[in-house]
C-alpha atoms as a PDB file:
ATOM      1  CA  MET A   1      61.877 -20.357  -1.245  1.00  0.00           C
ATOM      2  CA  ASP A   2      61.904 -17.521  -3.777  1.00  0.00           C
ATOM      3  CA  MET A   3      58.912 -16.926  -6.044  1.00  0.00           C
ATOM      4  CA  GLU A   4      60.468 -18.422  -9.198  1.00  0.00           C
ATOM      5  CA  ALA A   5      61.471 -21.621  -7.383  1.00  0.00           C
ATOM      6  CA  ALA A   6      58.029 -21.849  -5.729  1.00  0.00           C
ATOM      7  CA  ILE A   7      56.287 -21.497  -9.086  1.00  0.00           C
ATOM      8  CA  LYS A   8      58.454 -24.149 -10.737  1.00  0.00           C
ATOM      9  CA  TRP A   9      58.169 -26.592  -7.839  1.00  0.00           C
ATOM     10  CA  THR A  10      54.385 -26.148  -7.546  1.00  0.00           C
ATOM     11  CA  LEU A  11      53.706 -26.523 -11.266  1.00  0.00           C
ATOM     12  CA  ASP A  12      55.940 -29.601 -11.441  1.00  0.00           C
ATOM     13  CA  TRP A  13      54.179 -31.022  -8.379  1.00  0.00           C
ATOM     14  CA  CYS A  14      50.744 -30.375  -9.935  1.00  0.00           C
ATOM     15  CA  ARG A  15      51.767 -32.126 -13.168  1.00  0.00           C
ATOM     16  CA  GLU A  16      53.296 -35.054 -11.300  1.00  0.00           C
ATOM     17  CA  HIS A  17      50.077 -35.627  -9.327  1.00  0.00           C
ATOM     18  CA  GLY A  18      47.673 -34.997 -12.212  1.00  0.00           C
ATOM     19  CA  TYR A  19      46.277 -31.675 -11.022  1.00  0.00           C
ATOM     20  CA  ASN A  20      45.420 -29.047 -13.626  1.00  0.00           C
ATOM     21  CA  PRO A  21      44.365 -25.951 -11.678  1.00  0.00           C
ATOM     22  CA  PHE A  22      43.139 -22.616 -12.994  1.00  0.00           C
ATOM     23  CA  VAL A  23      45.778 -19.886 -12.802  1.00  0.00           C
ATOM     24  CA  ASP A  24      44.281 -18.282  -9.687  1.00  0.00           C
ATOM     25  CA  ASP A  25      44.097 -21.698  -8.020  1.00  0.00           C
ATOM     26  CA  ALA A  26      47.716 -22.425  -8.954  1.00  0.00           C
ATOM     27  CA  MET A  27      48.688 -19.097  -7.392  1.00  0.00           C
ATOM     28  CA  GLU A  28      47.042 -20.193  -4.144  1.00  0.00           C
ATOM     29  CA  LEU A  29      49.062 -23.420  -4.152  1.00  0.00           C
ATOM     30  CA  ILE A  30      52.250 -21.505  -5.011  1.00  0.00           C
ATOM     31  CA  HIS A  31      51.601 -19.188  -2.072  1.00  0.00           C
ATOM     32  CA  MET A  32      51.173 -22.198   0.241  1.00  0.00           C
ATOM     33  CA  VAL A  33      54.477 -23.649  -0.993  1.00  0.00           C
ATOM     34  CA  ARG A  34      56.259 -20.330  -0.729  1.00  0.00           C
ATOM     35  CA  LEU A  35      55.164 -19.861   2.891  1.00  0.00           C
ATOM     36  CA  GLY A  36      56.506 -23.336   3.632  1.00  0.00           C
ATOM     37  CA  THR A  37      53.816 -24.041   6.218  1.00  0.00           C
ATOM     38  CA  ALA A  38      51.736 -26.564   4.247  1.00  0.00           C
ATOM     39  CA  SER A  39      52.465 -30.264   4.477  1.00  0.00           C
ATOM     40  CA  GLU A  40      52.307 -32.535   1.438  1.00  0.00           C
ATOM     41  CA  ALA A  41      48.940 -33.828   2.687  1.00  0.00           C
ATOM     42  CA  GLU A  42      47.593 -30.274   2.988  1.00  0.00           C
ATOM     43  CA  LEU A  43      48.741 -29.510  -0.552  1.00  0.00           C
ATOM     44  CA  HIS A  44      46.972 -32.635  -1.849  1.00  0.00           C
ATOM     45  CA  THR A  45      43.810 -31.760   0.067  1.00  0.00           C
ATOM     46  CA  ARG A  46      43.702 -28.202  -1.227  1.00  0.00           C
ATOM     47  CA  ALA A  47      44.573 -29.272  -4.787  1.00  0.00           C
ATOM     48  CA  ARG A  48      41.707 -31.809  -4.692  1.00  0.00           C
ATOM     49  CA  GLU A  49      39.327 -29.134  -3.370  1.00  0.00           C
ATOM     50  CA  LEU A  50      40.380 -26.754  -6.128  1.00  0.00           C
ATOM     51  CA  THR A  51      39.958 -29.499  -8.737  1.00  0.00           C
ATOM     52  CA  ILE A  52      36.412 -30.211  -7.542  1.00  0.00           C
ATOM     53  CA  GLU A  53      35.588 -26.488  -7.530  1.00  0.00           C
ATOM     54  CA  CYS A  54      36.960 -26.241 -11.079  1.00  0.00           C
ATOM     55  CA  GLN A  55      34.801 -29.155 -12.236  1.00  0.00           C
ATOM     56  CA  LEU A  56      31.715 -27.664 -10.566  1.00  0.00           C
ATOM     57  CA  ARG A  57      32.357 -24.282 -12.194  1.00  0.00           C
ATOM     58  CA  SER A  58      32.671 -25.976 -15.568  1.00  0.00           C
ATOM     59  CA  VAL A  59      29.343 -27.769 -15.095  1.00  0.00           C
ATOM     60  CA  VAL A  60      27.647 -24.531 -14.018  1.00  0.00           C
ATOM     61  CA  TYR A  61      29.030 -22.726 -17.089  1.00  0.00           C
ATOM     62  CA  GLU A  62      27.817 -25.525 -19.384  1.00  0.00           C
ATOM     63  CA  LEU A  63      24.354 -25.585 -17.798  1.00  0.00           C
ATOM     64  CA  THR A  64      24.115 -21.800 -17.986  1.00  0.00           C
ATOM     65  CA  ASP A  65      25.007 -21.881 -21.684  1.00  0.00           C
ATOM     66  CA  GLU A  66      22.422 -24.618 -22.313  1.00  0.00           C
ATOM     67  CA  ALA A  67      19.734 -22.726 -20.388  1.00  0.00           C
ATOM     68  CA  GLU A  68      20.444 -19.518 -22.294  1.00  0.00           C
ATOM     69  CA  ALA A  69      20.260 -21.392 -25.608  1.00  0.00           C
ATOM     70  CA  LEU A  70      16.927 -22.982 -24.630  1.00  0.00           C
ATOM     71  CA  ILE A  71      15.526 -19.593 -23.635  1.00  0.00           C
ATOM     72  CA  GLU A  72      16.674 -18.025 -26.905  1.00  0.00           C
ATOM     73  CA  ASN A  73      15.154 -20.884 -28.908  1.00  0.00           C
ATOM     74  CA  ALA A  74      11.891 -20.629 -27.001  1.00  0.00           C
ATOM     75  CA  PHE A  75      11.589 -16.934 -27.864  1.00  0.00           C
ATOM     76  CA  ASP A  76      12.623 -17.517 -31.473  1.00  0.00           C
ATOM     77  CA  GLU A  77       9.992 -20.246 -31.899  1.00  0.00           C
ATOM     78  CA  SER A  78       7.228 -18.175 -30.268  1.00  0.00           C
ATOM     79  CA  GLU A  79       7.861 -15.263 -32.669  1.00  0.00           C
ATOM     80  CA  GLN A  80       7.277 -17.392 -35.768  1.00  0.00           C
ATOM     81  CA  PRO A  81       3.782 -17.291 -37.282  1.00  0.00           C
ATOM     82  CA  PRO A  82       1.750 -20.532 -37.049  1.00  0.00           C
END
């Protein structure tokens, strides 16, 4: 399968099955499709793994932002006179 066909097929497949991967994750799936060695079950398994990783990264980013905001607020409050 050529690269253009692999991209189209993989993106259509992701949409059809409700996966919304990051670009680098989509490229991994496209590569699997292009090689032609992955079964449908293997594609589902890897897409689910990538989805979970994506969700975990999002939670980590949110928690990091919240922690940074709390730290900033703590320093701002401690600098104010009583």
